[in-house]
Amino acid sequence: MLTFLFGFYFFVIGIKNNKFKKMVIKLPTSKIKSLSMGFVEIKGKVKEAEVLLKSPLNQMSCVYYNLHIEKWVRRGKNSSWQTIFNKTKKSLFYLIEDSEKILIDIQGAEINFKKDIDIKTGDFKSMPNYIKIFFEKEDIVKKSLGIKNKLRIREIYIKPNDELYIMGTIMKNNKLDSIKDSGNFKIGKSFNFPYFYISDFTEKEILSQLSWKIPFQIFCGGILTLFSFYNIILISIKNRLF
């Protein structure tokens, strides 16, 4: 049953990504200066609207970061990655194009960012010094039950002047009380439109990613679903016969 559910989920994700790909291709890129209420695709550079954050590992000034640390855990015959630390922090920021800007409220967005730090290790002593310091500060060594465990450390962040691709909804800006002169509109999450997507990959790179993911997800998900469904039927028939 779990294999059936996993396969069906994978298949549905593939169908959803295929619809998203068609949307990326179909939707024209709008200029910030000519935006109007509704669903849009825009591109531009990041500028902070609030006090800049600091990424946990290398202390990079940014408007968004996520640090995800996992440990490889063995339980009998089964092994998997187990999260031992996960922290995300975000702030409001502007997307700038030429001299025009619009406020971005990243809450609820689907994020597709490049990994700024991506380290796998099985030996704590081999880690860069700044990661050792962070591990000791957060007591992650103790949580990982030993310094020689296999770990996966990933940090992503968005900093000023990074170029972003955004697909989202233009709506009334409800942040004017906290951020003066931020304009009458913002881009954010709306339940009236299916997507709120932010990436530091180019549109061409996004389409390239989807081009191999979609066939893989649909094919593998479909095969797993059919195979599991076939086994469920065989088991049901066998139980009725015996």
C-alpha atoms as a PDB file:
ATOM      1  CA  MET A   1       0.000   0.000   0.000  1.00  0.00           C
ATOM      2  CA  LEU A   2       2.835   2.426   0.825  1.00  0.00           C
ATOM      3  CA  THR A   3       4.437   1.758  -2.561  1.00  0.00           C
ATOM      4  CA  PHE A   4       1.103   2.456  -4.255  1.00  0.00           C
ATOM      5  CA  LEU A   5       0.684   5.762  -2.384  1.00  0.00           C
ATOM      6  CA  PHE A   6       4.282   6.793  -3.078  1.00  0.00           C
ATOM      7  CA  GLY A   7       3.952   5.980  -6.781  1.00  0.00           C
ATOM      8  CA  PHE A   8       0.620   7.796  -7.079  1.00  0.00           C
ATOM      9  CA  TYR A   9       2.048  10.841  -5.273  1.00  0.00           C
ATOM     10  CA  PHE A  10       5.073  10.877  -7.588  1.00  0.00           C
ATOM     11  CA  PHE A  11       2.781  10.631 -10.623  1.00  0.00           C
ATOM     12  CA  VAL A  12       0.595  13.523  -9.421  1.00  0.00           C
ATOM     13  CA  ILE A  13       3.672  15.689  -8.780  1.00  0.00           C
ATOM     14  CA  GLY A  14       4.798  14.997 -12.345  1.00  0.00           C
ATOM     15  CA  ILE A  15       1.410  16.093 -13.727  1.00  0.00           C
ATOM     16  CA  LYS A  16       1.492  19.210 -11.546  1.00  0.00           C
ATOM     17  CA  ASN A  17       5.019  20.090 -12.700  1.00  0.00           C
ATOM     18  CA  ASN A  18       3.965  19.607 -16.325  1.00  0.00           C
ATOM     19  CA  LYS A  19       1.175  22.172 -15.836  1.00  0.00           C
ATOM     20  CA  PHE A  20       3.658  24.515 -14.190  1.00  0.00           C
ATOM     21  CA  LYS A  21       6.094  24.130 -17.087  1.00  0.00           C
ATOM     22  CA  LYS A  22       3.363  25.070 -19.557  1.00  0.00           C
ATOM     23  CA  MET A  23       2.581  28.123 -17.413  1.00  0.00           C
ATOM     24  CA  VAL A  24       6.239  29.218 -17.409  1.00  0.00           C
ATOM     25  CA  ILE A  25       6.351  28.919 -21.210  1.00  0.00           C
ATOM     26  CA  LYS A  26       2.991  30.623 -21.768  1.00  0.00           C
ATOM     27  CA  LEU A  27       3.174  33.532 -19.301  1.00  0.00           C
ATOM     28  CA  PRO A  28       5.038  36.578 -20.670  1.00  0.00           C
ATOM     29  CA  THR A  29       7.522  38.445 -18.489  1.00  0.00           C
ATOM     30  CA  SER A  30       6.063  41.747 -17.246  1.00  0.00           C
ATOM     31  CA  LYS A  31       7.920  44.988 -16.613  1.00  0.00           C
ATOM     32  CA  ILE A  32       7.728  46.153 -13.003  1.00  0.00           C
ATOM     33  CA  LYS A  33       6.727  49.665 -14.053  1.00  0.00           C
ATOM     34  CA  SER A  34       3.670  48.334 -15.923  1.00  0.00           C
ATOM     35  CA  LEU A  35       2.380  45.770 -13.404  1.00  0.00           C
ATOM     36  CA  SER A  36      -1.344  45.554 -12.675  1.00  0.00           C
ATOM     37  CA  MET A  37      -3.436  43.429 -10.312  1.00  0.00           C
ATOM     38  CA  GLY A  38      -3.377  39.728 -11.138  1.00  0.00           C
ATOM     39  CA  PHE A  39      -1.003  36.877 -11.855  1.00  0.00           C
ATOM     40  CA  VAL A  40       2.403  37.852 -13.270  1.00  0.00           C
ATOM     41  CA  GLU A  41       5.922  36.699 -14.103  1.00  0.00           C
ATOM     42  CA  ILE A  42       8.743  39.153 -13.341  1.00  0.00           C
ATOM     43  CA  LYS A  43      12.523  39.209 -13.156  1.00  0.00           C
ATOM     44  CA  GLY A  44      14.856  41.576 -11.347  1.00  0.00           C
ATOM     45  CA  LYS A  45      17.439  42.150  -8.635  1.00  0.00           C
ATOM     46  CA  VAL A  46      17.000  41.894  -4.880  1.00  0.00           C
ATOM     47  CA  LYS A  47      17.112  44.915  -2.585  1.00  0.00           C
ATOM     48  CA  GLU A  48      16.476  44.729   1.135  1.00  0.00           C
ATOM     49  CA  ALA A  49      13.295  46.305   2.561  1.00  0.00           C
ATOM     50  CA  GLU A  50      14.024  45.449   6.189  1.00  0.00           C
ATOM     51  CA  VAL A  51      17.150  44.925   8.285  1.00  0.00           C
ATOM     52  CA  LEU A  52      19.340  42.317   6.595  1.00  0.00           C
ATOM     53  CA  LEU A  53      19.582  38.830   8.093  1.00  0.00           C
ATOM     54  CA  LYS A  54      22.779  36.842   8.652  1.00  0.00           C
ATOM     55  CA  SER A  55      23.054  33.312   7.296  1.00  0.00           C
ATOM     56  CA  PRO A  56      23.976  30.918  10.128  1.00  0.00           C
ATOM     57  CA  LEU A  57      27.121  29.301   8.695  1.00  0.00           C
ATOM     58  CA  ASN A  58      29.128  31.916   6.845  1.00  0.00           C
ATOM     59  CA  GLN A  59      27.319  35.000   8.194  1.00  0.00           C
ATOM     60  CA  MET A  60      26.300  36.268   4.753  1.00  0.00           C
ATOM     61  CA  SER A  61      24.039  39.353   4.718  1.00  0.00           C
ATOM     62  CA  CYS A  62      20.780  38.212   3.125  1.00  0.00           C
ATOM     63  CA  VAL A  63      16.990  38.585   2.949  1.00  0.00           C
ATOM     64  CA  TYR A  64      16.295  34.843   3.229  1.00  0.00           C
ATOM     65  CA  TYR A  65      18.132  31.753   4.412  1.00  0.00           C
ATOM     66  CA  ASN A  66      17.528  28.093   5.134  1.00  0.00           C
ATOM     67  CA  LEU A  67      19.979  25.780   6.880  1.00  0.00           C
ATOM     68  CA  HIS A  68      19.153  22.069   6.777  1.00  0.00           C
ATOM     69  CA  ILE A  69      21.363  19.466   8.482  1.00  0.00           C
ATOM     70  CA  GLU A  70      20.694  15.729   8.249  1.00  0.00           C
ATOM     71  CA  LYS A  71      22.260  12.594   9.688  1.00  0.00           C
ATOM     72  CA  TRP A  72      22.358   9.172   8.000  1.00  0.00           C
ATOM     73  CA  VAL A  73      20.534   6.812  10.362  1.00  0.00           C
ATOM     74  CA  ARG A  74      20.571   3.021  10.196  1.00  0.00           C
ATOM     75  CA  ARG A  75      17.691   1.079  11.734  1.00  0.00           C
ATOM     76  CA  GLY A  76      18.123  -2.620  11.038  1.00  0.00           C
ATOM     77  CA  LYS A  77      17.872  -3.149   7.289  1.00  0.00           C
ATOM     78  CA  ASN A  78      16.525   0.347   6.659  1.00  0.00           C
ATOM     79  CA  SER A  79      18.556   3.547   6.377  1.00  0.00           C
ATOM     80  CA  SER A  80      17.513   7.125   5.740  1.00  0.00           C
ATOM     81  CA  TRP A  81      18.436  10.783   6.219  1.00  0.00           C
ATOM     82  CA  GLN A  82      17.082  12.214   9.482  1.00  0.00           C
ATOM     83  CA  THR A  83      16.841  15.969  10.041  1.00  0.00           C
ATOM     84  CA  ILE A  84      18.699  17.103  13.153  1.00  0.00           C
ATOM     85  CA  PHE A  85      18.605  20.859  12.477  1.00  0.00           C
ATOM     86  CA  ASN A  86      16.410  22.960  10.200  1.00  0.00           C
ATOM     87  CA  LYS A  87      16.094  26.730  10.400  1.00  0.00           C
ATOM     88  CA  THR A  88      14.535  29.216   7.983  1.00  0.00           C
ATOM     89  CA  LYS A  89      14.350  32.972   8.315  1.00  0.00           C
ATOM     90  CA  LYS A  90      12.914  35.429   5.821  1.00  0.00           C
ATOM     91  CA  SER A  91      12.298  39.137   5.478  1.00  0.00           C
ATOM     92  CA  LEU A  92      10.434  41.387   3.088  1.00  0.00           C
ATOM     93  CA  PHE A  93      12.477  42.634   0.147  1.00  0.00           C
ATOM     94  CA  TYR A  94      12.126  44.527  -3.107  1.00  0.00           C
ATOM     95  CA  LEU A  95      12.614  43.272  -6.611  1.00  0.00           C
ATOM     96  CA  ILE A  96      14.203  46.004  -8.700  1.00  0.00           C
ATOM     97  CA  GLU A  97      14.167  46.497 -12.451  1.00  0.00           C
ATOM     98  CA  ASP A  98      15.879  49.648 -13.721  1.00  0.00           C
ATOM     99  CA  SER A  99      14.580  52.370 -11.366  1.00  0.00           C
ATOM    100  CA  GLU A 100      11.309  50.582 -10.535  1.00  0.00           C
ATOM    101  CA  LYS A 101      10.681  48.305  -7.557  1.00  0.00           C
ATOM    102  CA  ILE A 102       7.948  46.183  -5.982  1.00  0.00           C
ATOM    103  CA  LEU A 103       7.725  44.623  -2.527  1.00  0.00           C
ATOM    104  CA  ILE A 104       7.998  40.824  -2.307  1.00  0.00           C
ATOM    105  CA  ASP A 105       6.318  38.966   0.564  1.00  0.00           C
ATOM    106  CA  ILE A 106       7.992  35.561   0.334  1.00  0.00           C
ATOM    107  CA  GLN A 107       5.623  33.888   2.850  1.00  0.00           C
ATOM    108  CA  GLY A 108       4.038  30.795   1.307  1.00  0.00           C
ATOM    109  CA  ALA A 109       6.233  30.759  -1.797  1.00  0.00           C
ATOM    110  CA  GLU A 110       7.599  27.614  -3.420  1.00  0.00           C
ATOM    111  CA  ILE A 111      11.363  28.084  -3.256  1.00  0.00           C
ATOM    112  CA  ASN A 112      13.873  26.815  -5.821  1.00  0.00           C
ATOM    113  CA  PHE A 113      17.264  28.242  -4.844  1.00  0.00           C
ATOM    114  CA  LYS A 114      20.802  27.154  -5.600  1.00  0.00           C
ATOM    115  CA  LYS A 115      22.680  25.564  -2.702  1.00  0.00           C
ATOM    116  CA  ASP A 116      25.304  28.030  -1.480  1.00  0.00           C
ATOM    117  CA  ILE A 117      26.773  25.434   0.867  1.00  0.00           C
ATOM    118  CA  ASP A 118      26.381  21.708   0.179  1.00  0.00           C
ATOM    119  CA  ILE A 119      28.672  19.477   2.248  1.00  0.00           C
ATOM    120  CA  LYS A 120      28.591  15.768   3.010  1.00  0.00           C
ATOM    121  CA  THR A 121      30.887  14.419   5.683  1.00  0.00           C
ATOM    122  CA  GLY A 122      31.531  11.437   7.882  1.00  0.00           C
ATOM    123  CA  ASP A 123      34.252  13.056   9.948  1.00  0.00           C
ATOM    124  CA  PHE A 124      33.691  16.171  12.021  1.00  0.00           C
ATOM    125  CA  LYS A 125      37.401  17.042  11.958  1.00  0.00           C
ATOM    126  CA  SER A 126      37.313  17.447   8.186  1.00  0.00           C
ATOM    127  CA  MET A 127      34.670  20.171   8.315  1.00  0.00           C
ATOM    128  CA  PRO A 128      35.552  23.810   7.602  1.00  0.00           C
ATOM    129  CA  ASN A 129      36.247  25.773  10.771  1.00  0.00           C
ATOM    130  CA  TYR A 130      33.161  28.013  10.484  1.00  0.00           C
ATOM    131  CA  ILE A 131      30.933  24.914  10.435  1.00  0.00           C
ATOM    132  CA  LYS A 132      32.712  23.440  13.465  1.00  0.00           C
ATOM    133  CA  ILE A 133      32.087  26.663  15.374  1.00  0.00           C
ATOM    134  CA  PHE A 134      28.398  26.629  14.464  1.00  0.00           C
ATOM    135  CA  PHE A 135      28.017  22.945  15.400  1.00  0.00           C
ATOM    136  CA  GLU A 136      29.575  23.559  18.798  1.00  0.00           C
ATOM    137  CA  LYS A 137      27.443  26.657  19.393  1.00  0.00           C
ATOM    138  CA  GLU A 138      24.203  24.828  18.566  1.00  0.00           C
ATOM    139  CA  ASP A 139      25.297  21.572  20.248  1.00  0.00           C
ATOM    140  CA  ILE A 140      24.673  19.711  16.995  1.00  0.00           C
ATOM    141  CA  VAL A 141      27.574  17.324  17.586  1.00  0.00           C
ATOM    142  CA  LYS A 142      25.780  15.929  20.601  1.00  0.00           C
ATOM    143  CA  LYS A 143      22.480  15.707  18.712  1.00  0.00           C
ATOM    144  CA  SER A 144      24.166  13.770  15.916  1.00  0.00           C
ATOM    145  CA  LEU A 145      25.290  11.109  18.421  1.00  0.00           C
ATOM    146  CA  GLY A 146      28.957  11.263  17.541  1.00  0.00           C
ATOM    147  CA  ILE A 147      31.242  13.277  15.317  1.00  0.00           C
ATOM    148  CA  LYS A 148      31.920  10.464  12.840  1.00  0.00           C
ATOM    149  CA  ASN A 149      28.352  10.057  11.691  1.00  0.00           C
ATOM    150  CA  LYS A 150      27.569  10.708   8.046  1.00  0.00           C
ATOM    151  CA  LEU A 151      26.124  14.209   7.795  1.00  0.00           C
ATOM    152  CA  ARG A 152      24.620  16.321   5.008  1.00  0.00           C
ATOM    153  CA  ILE A 153      24.783  20.102   5.458  1.00  0.00           C
ATOM    154  CA  ARG A 154      22.941  22.428   3.100  1.00  0.00           C
ATOM    155  CA  GLU A 155      22.518  26.179   3.314  1.00  0.00           C
ATOM    156  CA  ILE A 156      20.778  28.446   0.824  1.00  0.00           C
ATOM    157  CA  TYR A 157      20.316  32.202   0.983  1.00  0.00           C
ATOM    158  CA  ILE A 158      19.247  35.167  -1.123  1.00  0.00           C
ATOM    159  CA  LYS A 159      21.318  38.322  -0.800  1.00  0.00           C
ATOM    160  CA  PRO A 160      21.059  41.869  -2.214  1.00  0.00           C
ATOM    161  CA  ASN A 161      21.704  42.133  -5.975  1.00  0.00           C
ATOM    162  CA  ASP A 162      20.878  38.467  -6.591  1.00  0.00           C
ATOM    163  CA  GLU A 163      18.731  38.052  -9.703  1.00  0.00           C
ATOM    164  CA  LEU A 164      15.401  36.304  -9.196  1.00  0.00           C
ATOM    165  CA  TYR A 165      12.631  34.817 -11.309  1.00  0.00           C
ATOM    166  CA  ILE A 166       9.228  35.250  -9.646  1.00  0.00           C
ATOM    167  CA  MET A 167       5.778  34.011 -10.579  1.00  0.00           C
ATOM    168  CA  GLY A 168       3.126  35.339  -8.223  1.00  0.00           C
ATOM    169  CA  THR A 169       0.144  37.588  -7.605  1.00  0.00           C
ATOM    170  CA  ILE A 170       0.032  41.362  -7.522  1.00  0.00           C
ATOM    171  CA  MET A 171      -2.102  42.424  -4.558  1.00  0.00           C
ATOM    172  CA  LYS A 172      -2.707  45.347  -2.246  1.00  0.00           C
ATOM    173  CA  ASN A 173       0.290  46.064  -0.006  1.00  0.00           C
ATOM    174  CA  ASN A 174      -0.683  45.482   3.632  1.00  0.00           C
ATOM    175  CA  LYS A 175       2.844  46.196   4.903  1.00  0.00           C
ATOM    176  CA  LEU A 176       2.770  50.005   4.615  1.00  0.00           C
ATOM    177  CA  ASP A 177       2.498  50.423   8.378  1.00  0.00           C
ATOM    178  CA  SER A 178       5.779  48.569   8.955  1.00  0.00           C
ATOM    179  CA  ILE A 179       7.613  49.595   5.775  1.00  0.00           C
ATOM    180  CA  LYS A 180       6.974  53.183   4.770  1.00  0.00           C
ATOM    181  CA  ASP A 181       7.066  54.159   1.099  1.00  0.00           C
ATOM    182  CA  SER A 182       6.942  50.515  -0.007  1.00  0.00           C
ATOM    183  CA  GLY A 183       4.276  51.206  -2.608  1.00  0.00           C
ATOM    184  CA  ASN A 184       0.601  50.386  -2.932  1.00  0.00           C
ATOM    185  CA  PHE A 185       1.159  46.860  -4.212  1.00  0.00           C
ATOM    186  CA  LYS A 186       3.200  43.766  -3.394  1.00  0.00           C
ATOM    187  CA  ILE A 187       3.701  40.280  -4.809  1.00  0.00           C
ATOM    188  CA  GLY A 188       2.594  37.471  -2.550  1.00  0.00           C
ATOM    189  CA  LYS A 189       0.610  34.269  -2.154  1.00  0.00           C
ATOM    190  CA  SER A 190      -3.010  34.229  -3.330  1.00  0.00           C
ATOM    191  CA  PHE A 191      -5.438  31.300  -3.184  1.00  0.00           C
ATOM    192  CA  ASN A 192      -7.042  32.624  -6.371  1.00  0.00           C
ATOM    193  CA  PHE A 193      -3.984  31.670  -8.433  1.00  0.00           C
ATOM    194  CA  PRO A 194      -2.183  28.302  -8.423  1.00  0.00           C
ATOM    195  CA  TYR A 195       1.455  29.355  -8.102  1.00  0.00           C
ATOM    196  CA  PHE A 196       3.771  31.510  -6.048  1.00  0.00           C
ATOM    197  CA  TYR A 197       7.259  30.541  -7.172  1.00  0.00           C
ATOM    198  CA  ILE A 198      10.626  32.197  -6.500  1.00  0.00           C
ATOM    199  CA  SER A 199      13.967  31.048  -7.910  1.00  0.00           C
ATOM    200  CA  ASP A 200      17.495  32.314  -8.490  1.00  0.00           C
ATOM    201  CA  PHE A 201      17.742  30.014 -11.504  1.00  0.00           C
ATOM    202  CA  THR A 202      17.071  31.602 -14.898  1.00  0.00           C
ATOM    203  CA  GLU A 203      13.858  30.770 -16.748  1.00  0.00           C
ATOM    204  CA  LYS A 204      15.895  28.667 -19.188  1.00  0.00           C
ATOM    205  CA  GLU A 205      17.470  26.714 -16.300  1.00  0.00           C
ATOM    206  CA  ILE A 206      14.066  26.168 -14.669  1.00  0.00           C
ATOM    207  CA  LEU A 207      12.630  24.747 -17.901  1.00  0.00           C
ATOM    208  CA  SER A 208      15.697  22.530 -18.291  1.00  0.00           C
ATOM    209  CA  GLN A 209      15.182  21.131 -14.775  1.00  0.00           C
ATOM    210  CA  LEU A 210      11.521  20.420 -15.472  1.00  0.00           C
ATOM    211  CA  SER A 211      12.294  18.779 -18.830  1.00  0.00           C
ATOM    212  CA  TRP A 212      13.992  15.803 -17.168  1.00  0.00           C
ATOM    213  CA  LYS A 213      12.014  15.764 -13.897  1.00  0.00           C
ATOM    214  CA  ILE A 214       8.555  15.543 -15.456  1.00  0.00           C
ATOM    215  CA  PRO A 215       9.066  12.392 -17.630  1.00  0.00           C
ATOM    216  CA  PHE A 216      10.920  10.703 -14.760  1.00  0.00           C
ATOM    217  CA  GLN A 217       8.196  11.509 -12.214  1.00  0.00           C
ATOM    218  CA  ILE A 218       5.289  10.552 -14.474  1.00  0.00           C
ATOM    219  CA  PHE A 219       6.920   7.354 -15.782  1.00  0.00           C
ATOM    220  CA  CYS A 220       8.304   6.084 -12.456  1.00  0.00           C
ATOM    221  CA  GLY A 221       5.207   7.146 -10.536  1.00  0.00           C
ATOM    222  CA  GLY A 222       2.947   5.448 -13.074  1.00  0.00           C
ATOM    223  CA  ILE A 223       4.977   2.221 -13.075  1.00  0.00           C
ATOM    224  CA  LEU A 224       5.048   2.051  -9.251  1.00  0.00           C
ATOM    225  CA  THR A 225       1.306   2.750  -9.054  1.00  0.00           C
ATOM    226  CA  LEU A 226       0.385   0.082 -11.621  1.00  0.00           C
ATOM    227  CA  PHE A 227       2.796  -2.484 -10.157  1.00  0.00           C
ATOM    228  CA  SER A 228       1.473  -1.917  -6.623  1.00  0.00           C
ATOM    229  CA  PHE A 229      -2.144  -1.996  -7.790  1.00  0.00           C
ATOM    230  CA  TYR A 230      -1.454  -5.275  -9.615  1.00  0.00           C
ATOM    231  CA  ASN A 231       0.059  -6.794  -6.443  1.00  0.00           C
ATOM    232  CA  ILE A 232      -2.868  -5.597  -4.333  1.00  0.00           C
ATOM    233  CA  ILE A 233      -5.307  -7.321  -6.703  1.00  0.00           C
ATOM    234  CA  LEU A 234      -3.246 -10.554  -6.674  1.00  0.00           C
ATOM    235  CA  ILE A 235      -3.111 -10.562  -2.872  1.00  0.00           C
ATOM    236  CA  SER A 236      -6.869  -9.927  -2.653  1.00  0.00           C
ATOM    237  CA  ILE A 237      -7.614 -12.783  -5.057  1.00  0.00           C
ATOM    238  CA  LYS A 238      -5.248 -15.109  -3.184  1.00  0.00           C
ATOM    239  CA  ASN A 239      -6.861 -14.308   0.180  1.00  0.00           C
ATOM    240  CA  ARG A 240     -10.316 -15.018  -1.218  1.00  0.00           C
ATOM    241  CA  LEU A 241      -9.207 -18.355  -2.704  1.00  0.00           C
ATOM    242  CA  PHE A 242      -7.535 -19.539   0.463  1.00  0.00           C
END
